[in-house]
């Protein structure tokens, strides 16, 4: 198999279309099982969680068949957030964790993410090894060594109780009205439960999944829905999650949005004041706003940048011993609490800041003035590479020369969809619109 199955966040695609077919899920499960049973011992276990997409049933069953065929014992968690799978993989002493989700993508897509026994996503090397096994002959277990599968009824409850422990002891959310938008996704039960049990008056949105409505005009990709509810209910805060709840956007009481950069800025400044910010640095990707970098400089803190993808943020955090990082899109990684982005726990940290400071959400959501930034996506046809076209490269080079030191351009392929992401920052907004339109037009012509 010459194609690369794994992208920046596992294997992802349109359900019932390669590679998101039952056949491929079975082979991936068998290959992962063989990879983790290289010592030949029995007793290895894997936990599997999923979001609320209809195709999750098909992929869950296929993965289970592949895993048990190579001797892995499967524990099925049902719908739980992605960070819950990372947490439960470690706490239940599993050898492997799998999350079936396409995150913020529409319902017709799905994906498969793998976690190692430490609860962190697998490395590129481990994924390459699994792909190599998929490409060859997969040796099944002997009949006496075939694995078992069973449902785990308390997986969500374990995660709910853990999430509550990350909120400061002795503090409560009594008197706070909180809108939580769960995107009809994996956290549709867990997130409202946590907030209510901590004392908040909860207005839940996106908590009626039907297999087809995940991320459909709700959740962090459509924060306007949460903002509208915050204003209608006179809420103190809105927390809006994506389909697998590993990313978050915050809405203040006036309906204003705080993206991942603003949330990270708040947490970095608070943790630095409390002596909790390890390495005096925040890890973020090349997509984070220049304004965030300038803000941290003013506090005597560093911004460490990585490739796009929360897994690369986590890798850099682990290499450097840092405990706070994330993405502008809302993946907030706090390794003191979680092994991956956790939208709910990040929301709790924002609420803790409100509780500690006595300030309103609107006083906390704007930590810095962002440099004007635009991002546009251009869909391209399979088999083409618009960024390899000379005319596109020429336009990009000319734009970079015009910007000089007053801004920057970042053009890249999405790791999860057939999209070219065109991002630019410039202090001159008119110039910003102009250069974005020029690049997009060139890419569209080439696509």
Protein backbone atom coordinates (compact mmCIF):
# COMPACT_ATOMS: atom_id res chain seq x y z
CA UNK A 1 0.00 0.00 0.00
CA UNK A 2 1.80 3.12 -1.24
CA UNK A 3 -0.71 5.71 -0.04
CA UNK A 4 -0.34 7.20 3.43
CA UNK A 5 -3.35 6.35 5.57
CA UNK A 6 -2.59 8.55 8.57
CA UNK A 7 -2.99 12.31 8.45
CA UNK A 8 -2.34 14.88 11.18
CA UNK A 9 -5.05 13.33 13.37
CA UNK A 10 -5.36 9.63 12.63
CA UNK A 11 -7.18 8.20 9.62
CA UNK A 12 -10.07 10.25 8.31
CA UNK A 13 -12.41 10.38 5.32
CA UNK A 14 -15.97 10.07 4.08
CA UNK A 15 -17.84 7.16 5.67
CA UNK A 16 -18.15 4.06 3.48
CA UNK A 17 -15.54 5.48 1.12
CA UNK A 18 -11.89 4.45 1.25
CA UNK A 19 -10.25 4.59 3.75
CA UNK A 20 -13.30 4.89 6.04
CA UNK A 21 -14.78 1.52 5.13
CA UNK A 22 -15.64 -1.42 7.34
CA UNK A 23 -12.98 -3.48 5.54
CA UNK A 24 -10.22 -0.94 6.24
CA UNK A 25 -11.37 -0.47 9.84
CA UNK A 26 -11.15 -4.24 10.34
CA UNK A 27 -7.61 -4.29 8.90
CA UNK A 28 -6.57 -1.27 10.99
CA UNK A 29 -7.93 -2.96 14.10
CA UNK A 30 -6.13 -6.21 13.29
CA UNK A 31 -2.90 -4.35 12.48
CA UNK A 32 -3.06 -2.31 15.70
CA UNK A 33 -3.76 -5.49 17.63
CA UNK A 34 -0.78 -7.24 16.05
CA UNK A 35 1.43 -4.19 16.73
CA UNK A 36 0.52 -4.17 20.43
CA UNK A 37 0.69 -7.97 20.80
CA UNK A 38 4.18 -8.39 19.41
CA UNK A 39 5.21 -10.23 22.58
CA UNK A 40 2.52 -12.86 21.92
CA UNK A 41 1.06 -12.59 25.41
CA UNK A 42 -2.68 -12.67 26.07
CA UNK A 43 -4.53 -10.23 28.27
CA UNK A 44 -3.90 -7.08 26.24
CA UNK A 45 -6.81 -4.67 26.27
CA UNK A 46 -8.01 -1.74 24.18
CA UNK A 47 -10.66 0.87 24.96
CA UNK A 48 -12.80 2.24 22.14
CA UNK A 49 -14.84 5.43 22.31
CA UNK A 50 -16.82 7.19 19.60
CA UNK A 51 -18.83 10.28 18.86
CA UNK A 52 -22.45 10.26 17.70
CA UNK A 53 -22.13 9.72 13.93
CA UNK A 54 -24.25 6.93 12.47
CA UNK A 55 -21.16 5.40 10.84
CA UNK A 56 -19.61 4.99 14.29
CA UNK A 57 -21.56 1.76 14.79
CA UNK A 58 -20.12 0.24 11.60
CA UNK A 59 -16.56 1.25 12.37
CA UNK A 60 -16.80 0.22 16.02
CA UNK A 61 -17.93 -3.28 15.05
CA UNK A 62 -15.28 -3.62 12.36
CA UNK A 63 -12.47 -2.43 14.63
CA UNK A 64 -13.66 -4.82 17.35
CA UNK A 65 -13.59 -7.74 14.92
CA UNK A 66 -10.07 -6.89 13.78
CA UNK A 67 -8.76 -6.37 17.29
CA UNK A 68 -10.25 -9.52 18.77
CA UNK A 69 -9.03 -11.55 15.77
CA UNK A 70 -5.48 -10.78 16.85
CA UNK A 71 -6.12 -11.48 20.53
CA UNK A 72 -6.94 -8.04 21.95
CA UNK A 73 -9.69 -7.71 24.56
CA UNK A 74 -11.96 -4.79 23.68
CA UNK A 75 -13.72 -2.49 26.14
CA UNK A 76 -16.45 -0.44 24.42
CA UNK A 77 -17.07 2.95 26.03
CA UNK A 78 -19.82 4.23 23.76
CA UNK A 79 -20.10 8.00 23.10
CA UNK A 80 -17.42 9.82 25.12
CA UNK A 81 -15.16 12.81 24.35
CA UNK A 82 -11.77 12.21 22.76
CA UNK A 83 -9.93 13.36 25.93
CA UNK A 84 -11.92 10.79 27.89
CA UNK A 85 -10.40 8.05 25.73
CA UNK A 86 -6.92 9.37 26.46
CA UNK A 87 -7.69 9.49 30.18
CA UNK A 88 -9.37 6.07 30.34
CA UNK A 89 -6.66 4.36 28.28
CA UNK A 90 -4.20 5.23 31.00
CA UNK A 91 -6.44 4.88 34.06
CA UNK A 92 -7.81 1.49 32.96
CA UNK A 93 -4.30 0.21 32.13
CA UNK A 94 -5.16 -0.43 28.51
CA UNK A 95 -2.44 -1.05 25.93
CA UNK A 96 -4.28 0.95 23.30
CA UNK A 97 -7.06 3.51 23.04
CA UNK A 98 -9.11 4.27 19.94
CA UNK A 99 -11.47 7.16 19.28
CA UNK A 100 -13.88 6.96 16.35
CA UNK A 101 -14.55 10.54 15.32
CA UNK A 102 -14.02 13.10 12.59
CA UNK A 103 -13.99 15.87 15.19
CA UNK A 104 -15.41 19.11 13.70
CA UNK A 105 -16.09 17.59 10.25
CA UNK A 106 -19.66 17.04 8.97
CA UNK A 107 -21.64 13.92 9.83
CA UNK A 108 -20.85 12.05 6.62
CA UNK A 109 -17.16 11.96 7.56
CA UNK A 110 -15.52 9.83 10.21
CA UNK A 111 -12.08 9.01 11.53
CA UNK A 112 -10.02 6.71 13.72
CA UNK A 113 -7.49 8.06 16.26
CA UNK A 114 -5.07 5.88 18.22
CA UNK A 115 -3.70 6.43 21.74
CA UNK A 116 -0.81 4.61 23.36
CA UNK A 117 -0.84 3.13 26.89
CA UNK A 118 0.32 6.48 28.31
CA UNK A 119 -2.84 8.15 26.99
CA UNK A 120 -1.01 10.20 24.36
CA UNK A 121 -1.65 9.93 20.64
CA UNK A 122 0.65 7.54 18.82
CA UNK A 123 3.84 8.88 17.28
CA UNK A 124 4.38 9.10 13.52
CA UNK A 125 6.74 6.12 13.84
CA UNK A 126 4.10 3.94 15.52
CA UNK A 127 1.50 4.92 12.92
CA UNK A 128 3.95 4.04 10.13
CA UNK A 129 4.52 0.64 11.71
CA UNK A 130 0.78 -0.01 11.89
CA UNK A 131 0.39 1.03 8.25
CA UNK A 132 3.17 -1.39 7.27
CA UNK A 133 1.27 -4.19 9.01
CA UNK A 134 -1.96 -3.17 7.23
CA UNK A 135 -0.11 -3.47 3.92
CA UNK A 136 1.03 -7.04 4.53
CA UNK A 137 -0.35 -10.32 5.75
CA UNK A 138 -1.80 -10.01 9.24
CA UNK A 139 -1.34 -13.14 11.32
CA UNK A 140 -4.51 -13.93 13.33
CA UNK A 141 -4.47 -15.30 16.85
CA UNK A 142 -4.88 -18.99 17.52
CA UNK A 143 -8.51 -19.98 18.28
CA UNK A 144 -7.84 -20.25 22.00
CA UNK A 145 -6.33 -16.73 22.01
CA UNK A 146 -9.09 -14.78 20.27
CA UNK A 147 -10.02 -11.70 22.28
CA UNK A 148 -13.26 -10.82 24.02
CA UNK A 149 -15.38 -7.65 23.82
CA UNK A 150 -17.68 -6.08 26.36
CA UNK A 151 -19.48 -2.81 27.02
CA UNK A 152 -18.22 -0.55 29.79
CA UNK A 153 -21.14 1.29 31.37
CA UNK A 154 -19.25 3.66 33.65
CA UNK A 155 -16.71 5.14 31.22
CA UNK A 156 -18.51 8.48 30.93
CA UNK A 157 -19.06 8.59 34.69
CA UNK A 158 -15.35 8.03 35.36
CA UNK A 159 -14.49 10.94 33.06
CA UNK A 160 -17.16 13.21 34.59
CA UNK A 161 -15.77 12.63 38.08
CA UNK A 162 -12.22 13.24 36.88
CA UNK A 163 -13.13 16.45 35.04
CA UNK A 164 -14.68 17.83 38.23
CA UNK A 165 -11.41 17.31 40.10
CA UNK A 166 -9.65 19.74 37.75
CA UNK A 167 -11.79 22.62 39.05
CA UNK A 168 -10.23 24.31 42.11
CA UNK A 169 -11.15 22.55 45.34
CA UNK A 170 -13.62 24.40 47.54
CA UNK A 171 -14.93 26.52 44.65
CA UNK A 172 -18.37 26.19 43.12
CA UNK A 173 -20.21 27.57 40.12
CA UNK A 174 -23.27 28.50 42.14
CA UNK A 175 -25.01 31.56 40.77
CA UNK A 176 -23.44 31.31 37.32
CA UNK A 177 -25.61 30.71 34.28
CA UNK A 178 -23.66 28.81 31.62
CA UNK A 179 -24.67 27.88 28.07
CA UNK A 180 -22.86 24.75 26.88
CA UNK A 181 -23.11 23.76 23.22
CA UNK A 182 -22.13 20.12 22.74
CA UNK A 183 -22.49 20.10 18.91
CA UNK A 184 -24.81 17.03 19.13
CA UNK A 185 -21.52 15.23 19.67
CA UNK A 186 -19.56 13.07 22.06
CA UNK A 187 -19.92 15.34 25.12
CA UNK A 188 -23.70 15.76 24.86
CA UNK A 189 -24.18 14.14 28.27
CA UNK A 190 -20.82 14.57 30.01
CA UNK A 191 -20.39 18.34 29.65
CA UNK A 192 -23.80 19.41 31.02
CA UNK A 193 -23.42 16.88 33.86
CA UNK A 194 -20.05 18.28 34.95
CA UNK A 195 -21.21 21.89 34.92
CA UNK A 196 -24.49 21.14 36.72
CA UNK A 197 -22.82 19.01 39.39
CA UNK A 198 -20.38 21.87 40.06
CA UNK A 199 -23.34 24.12 40.77
CA UNK A 200 -23.96 26.04 37.54
CA UNK A 201 -27.35 26.87 36.10
CA UNK A 202 -26.87 25.04 32.77
CA UNK A 203 -28.53 25.83 29.44
CA UNK A 204 -27.61 22.89 27.18
CA UNK A 205 -27.47 23.14 23.38
CA UNK A 206 -26.62 20.48 20.82
CA UNK A 207 -27.59 17.61 23.11
CA UNK A 208 -30.00 15.74 20.82
CA UNK A 209 -27.81 13.68 18.48
CA UNK A 210 -29.55 11.63 15.79
CA UNK A 211 -26.51 10.30 13.92
CA UNK A 212 -26.68 12.99 11.25
CA UNK A 213 -26.68 16.37 13.01
CA UNK A 214 -23.24 16.48 14.63
CA UNK A 215 -21.64 19.93 14.08
CA UNK A 216 -24.68 20.97 12.01
CA UNK A 217 -25.00 24.72 12.74
CA UNK A 218 -23.91 24.06 16.33
CA UNK A 219 -20.66 23.70 18.23
CA UNK A 220 -17.32 25.46 18.00
CA UNK A 221 -17.45 25.71 14.20
CA UNK A 222 -20.73 27.65 14.51
CA UNK A 223 -20.22 29.75 17.67
CA UNK A 224 -22.98 32.15 16.62
CA UNK A 225 -25.54 29.60 17.85
CA UNK A 226 -24.07 29.64 21.35
CA UNK A 227 -23.66 33.43 21.28
CA UNK A 228 -27.34 33.85 20.44
CA UNK A 229 -28.34 31.59 23.34
CA UNK A 230 -26.06 33.46 25.76
CA UNK A 231 -27.79 36.74 24.92
CA UNK A 232 -31.30 35.25 24.94
CA UNK A 233 -30.83 33.66 28.38
CA UNK A 234 -28.75 36.42 29.92
CA UNK A 235 -26.02 33.87 30.62
CA UNK A 236 -22.66 34.68 32.19
CA UNK A 237 -20.71 32.51 29.78
CA UNK A 238 -20.99 30.24 26.77
CA UNK A 239 -18.83 27.15 26.24
CA UNK A 240 -19.06 25.72 22.74
CA UNK A 241 -17.40 22.38 21.93
CA UNK A 242 -16.80 20.48 18.70
CA UNK A 243 -18.04 17.01 17.81
CA UNK A 244 -15.52 15.10 19.91
CA UNK A 245 -15.08 17.85 22.56
CA UNK A 246 -11.32 18.23 22.22
CA UNK A 247 -11.64 21.88 21.22
CA UNK A 248 -13.53 24.85 22.65
CA UNK A 249 -14.54 28.44 21.99
CA UNK A 250 -15.66 30.76 24.78
CA UNK A 251 -18.51 33.28 24.47
CA UNK A 252 -18.71 36.15 26.95
CA UNK A 253 -21.93 37.59 28.40
CA UNK A 254 -22.06 40.16 25.56
CA UNK A 255 -21.87 37.51 22.85
CA UNK A 256 -18.20 38.11 22.00
CA UNK A 257 -15.98 35.19 21.00
CA UNK A 258 -12.64 34.15 22.52
CA UNK A 259 -10.73 31.75 20.30
CA UNK A 260 -7.95 29.42 21.37
CA UNK A 261 -5.31 32.15 21.23
CA UNK A 262 -7.16 34.35 23.72
CA UNK A 263 -7.86 31.39 26.03
CA UNK A 264 -4.20 30.36 25.96
CA UNK A 265 -3.12 33.96 26.63
CA UNK A 266 -5.36 34.09 29.72
CA UNK A 267 -4.17 30.75 31.08
CA UNK A 268 -0.50 31.50 30.36
CA UNK A 269 -0.62 34.83 32.21
CA UNK A 270 -2.49 33.33 35.19
CA UNK A 271 -0.29 30.27 35.43
CA UNK A 272 2.85 32.39 35.15
CA UNK A 273 1.64 34.59 38.03
CA UNK A 274 0.92 31.47 40.09
CA UNK A 275 4.32 29.94 39.29
CA UNK A 276 2.63 27.06 37.46
CA UNK A 277 3.74 27.72 33.86
CA UNK A 278 6.58 25.32 33.20
CA UNK A 279 9.49 26.62 31.16
CA UNK A 280 7.97 30.12 31.07
CA UNK A 281 6.60 29.22 27.65
CA UNK A 282 3.43 28.46 25.74
CA UNK A 283 3.47 26.02 22.81
CA UNK A 284 1.25 26.88 19.84
CA UNK A 285 1.24 26.34 16.08
CA UNK A 286 2.25 28.52 13.18
CA UNK A 287 -1.43 29.52 12.89
CA UNK A 288 -1.52 31.42 16.18
CA UNK A 289 -1.79 35.19 15.86
CA UNK A 290 1.23 37.45 15.99
CA UNK A 291 -0.61 39.43 18.64
CA UNK A 292 -0.35 36.45 20.99
CA UNK A 293 3.41 36.35 20.48
CA UNK A 294 3.72 40.08 21.20
CA UNK A 295 1.55 39.73 24.32
CA UNK A 296 3.70 36.92 25.72
CA UNK A 297 6.88 38.85 24.96
CA UNK A 298 5.51 41.67 27.10
CA UNK A 299 5.09 39.26 30.01
CA UNK A 300 8.59 37.88 29.64
CA UNK A 301 7.23 34.58 28.30
CA UNK A 302 8.06 32.67 25.11
CA UNK A 303 5.88 31.34 22.33
CA UNK A 304 7.16 28.05 20.92
CA UNK A 305 5.64 27.37 17.49
CA UNK A 306 5.06 23.98 15.85
CA UNK A 307 3.48 22.52 12.74
CA UNK A 308 -0.31 22.59 12.60
CA UNK A 309 -1.89 19.76 14.56
CA UNK A 310 -2.41 19.31 18.27
CA UNK A 311 -0.27 16.15 18.23
CA UNK A 312 2.76 18.26 17.24
CA UNK A 313 1.97 20.72 20.01
CA UNK A 314 1.89 17.84 22.50
CA UNK A 315 5.14 16.39 21.16
CA UNK A 316 6.92 19.72 21.66
CA UNK A 317 5.41 20.09 25.12
CA UNK A 318 6.68 16.68 26.14
CA UNK A 319 10.11 17.29 24.64
CA UNK A 320 10.53 20.62 26.44
CA UNK A 321 8.71 19.80 29.67
CA UNK A 322 6.03 22.45 29.03
CA UNK A 323 2.51 22.10 30.45
CA UNK A 324 0.41 24.53 28.39
CA UNK A 325 -0.15 24.64 24.65
CA UNK A 326 -2.75 24.50 21.96
CA UNK A 327 -4.16 25.83 18.74
CA UNK A 328 -6.03 28.93 17.69
CA UNK A 329 -8.90 26.63 16.67
CA UNK A 330 -9.52 25.82 20.32
CA UNK A 331 -7.44 22.75 21.14
CA UNK A 332 -6.17 23.67 24.60
CA UNK A 333 -3.65 21.15 25.90
CA UNK A 334 -2.94 21.17 29.64
CA UNK A 335 -0.73 18.20 30.42
CA UNK A 336 -1.26 18.72 34.15
CA UNK A 337 -4.80 17.49 33.45
CA UNK A 338 -5.04 15.75 30.09
CA UNK A 339 -3.01 14.06 27.37
CA UNK A 340 -4.77 15.84 24.51
CA UNK A 341 -6.93 18.89 23.91
CA UNK A 342 -9.88 18.94 26.31
CA UNK A 343 -12.57 21.53 25.59
CA UNK A 344 -14.55 20.91 28.76
CA UNK A 345 -11.59 21.13 31.13
CA UNK A 346 -10.37 24.26 29.31
CA UNK A 347 -13.82 25.74 29.87
CA UNK A 348 -13.55 24.88 33.55
CA UNK A 349 -10.19 26.66 33.72
CA UNK A 350 -11.80 29.77 32.23
CA UNK A 351 -14.58 29.54 34.82
CA UNK A 352 -11.94 29.18 37.54
CA UNK A 353 -10.36 32.43 36.31
CA UNK A 354 -13.75 34.13 36.58
CA UNK A 355 -14.24 32.75 40.07
CA UNK A 356 -10.75 33.68 41.30
CA UNK A 357 -10.68 37.18 39.84
CA UNK A 358 -14.31 38.15 40.34
CA UNK A 359 -14.22 39.49 36.78
CA UNK A 360 -16.83 38.90 34.12
CA UNK A 361 -16.16 36.83 31.02
CA UNK A 362 -16.01 40.00 28.90
CA UNK A 363 -13.17 41.30 31.06
CA UNK A 364 -11.19 38.11 30.45
CA UNK A 365 -11.78 37.18 26.80
CA UNK A 366 -9.64 39.92 25.23
CA UNK A 367 -6.16 39.51 26.62
CA UNK A 368 -4.44 41.04 23.58
CA UNK A 369 -5.23 42.92 20.36
CA UNK A 370 -4.83 40.47 17.49
CA UNK A 371 -3.02 41.44 14.31
CA UNK A 372 -5.69 41.35 11.54
CA UNK A 373 -5.77 37.80 10.22
CA UNK A 374 -7.76 36.04 7.52
CA UNK A 375 -8.15 32.39 6.68
CA UNK A 376 -9.86 31.02 3.59
CA UNK A 377 -10.17 27.40 2.50
CA UNK A 378 -10.02 26.27 -1.12
CA UNK A 379 -11.21 22.75 -1.96
CA UNK A 380 -9.17 20.88 -4.55
CA UNK A 381 -9.72 17.71 -6.57
CA UNK A 382 -8.13 14.44 -5.56
CA UNK A 383 -4.88 13.75 -7.38
CA UNK A 384 -4.03 17.42 -7.89
CA UNK A 385 -1.50 19.56 -6.06
CA UNK A 386 -2.24 23.27 -6.54
CA UNK A 387 0.73 24.26 -4.39
CA UNK A 388 3.10 22.62 -6.87
CA UNK A 389 1.88 24.82 -9.75
CA UNK A 390 4.45 27.46 -10.73
CA UNK A 391 1.84 30.22 -11.09
CA UNK A 392 0.64 29.66 -7.52
CA UNK A 393 4.18 29.67 -6.13
CA UNK A 394 4.89 32.88 -8.03
CA UNK A 395 1.87 34.67 -6.56
CA UNK A 396 2.82 33.56 -3.05
CA UNK A 397 6.39 34.80 -3.47
CA UNK A 398 5.21 38.17 -4.79
CA UNK A 399 2.77 38.59 -1.89
CA UNK A 400 5.44 37.75 0.69
CA UNK A 401 7.73 40.37 -0.82
CA UNK A 402 4.98 43.02 -0.61
CA UNK A 403 4.27 42.19 3.03
CA UNK A 404 7.86 42.31 4.18
CA UNK A 405 8.08 42.42 7.98
CA UNK A 406 4.57 43.89 8.43
CA UNK A 407 2.84 40.50 8.22
CA UNK A 408 3.14 36.90 7.18
CA UNK A 409 1.56 34.32 4.88
CA UNK A 410 0.95 30.65 5.61
CA UNK A 411 -0.43 28.35 2.91
CA UNK A 412 -0.76 24.65 3.62
CA UNK A 413 -2.78 21.56 2.87
CA UNK A 414 -5.27 20.42 5.50
CA UNK A 415 -4.27 17.18 7.14
CA UNK A 416 -7.87 16.01 7.43
CA UNK A 417 -9.72 17.31 4.33
CA UNK A 418 -8.91 18.04 0.64
CA UNK A 419 -8.48 21.75 1.35
CA UNK A 420 -5.77 24.32 0.83
CA UNK A 421 -5.78 26.65 3.84
CA UNK A 422 -4.74 30.19 2.93
CA UNK A 423 -3.88 32.31 5.96
CA UNK A 424 -2.32 35.75 6.14
CA UNK A 425 -1.73 38.44 8.75
CA UNK A 426 -1.08 42.12 8.06
CA UNK A 427 -1.36 45.32 10.00
CA UNK A 428 -3.03 46.92 6.94
CA UNK A 429 -6.47 45.27 6.62
CA UNK A 430 -7.04 46.49 3.08
CA UNK A 431 -3.76 44.90 2.00
CA UNK A 432 -4.71 41.75 3.90
CA UNK A 433 -7.94 41.30 1.92
CA UNK A 434 -6.12 42.05 -1.31
CA UNK A 435 -3.38 39.47 -0.87
CA UNK A 436 -5.75 36.76 0.38
CA UNK A 437 -7.97 37.23 -2.69
CA UNK A 438 -4.95 37.04 -5.00
CA UNK A 439 -3.69 33.79 -3.48
CA UNK A 440 -7.14 32.20 -3.37
CA UNK A 441 -7.77 33.09 -7.01
CA UNK A 442 -4.46 31.52 -8.03
CA UNK A 443 -5.15 28.34 -6.05
CA UNK A 444 -8.70 28.04 -7.41
CA UNK A 445 -7.39 28.34 -10.95
CA UNK A 446 -4.84 25.59 -10.29
CA UNK A 447 -7.31 23.34 -8.43
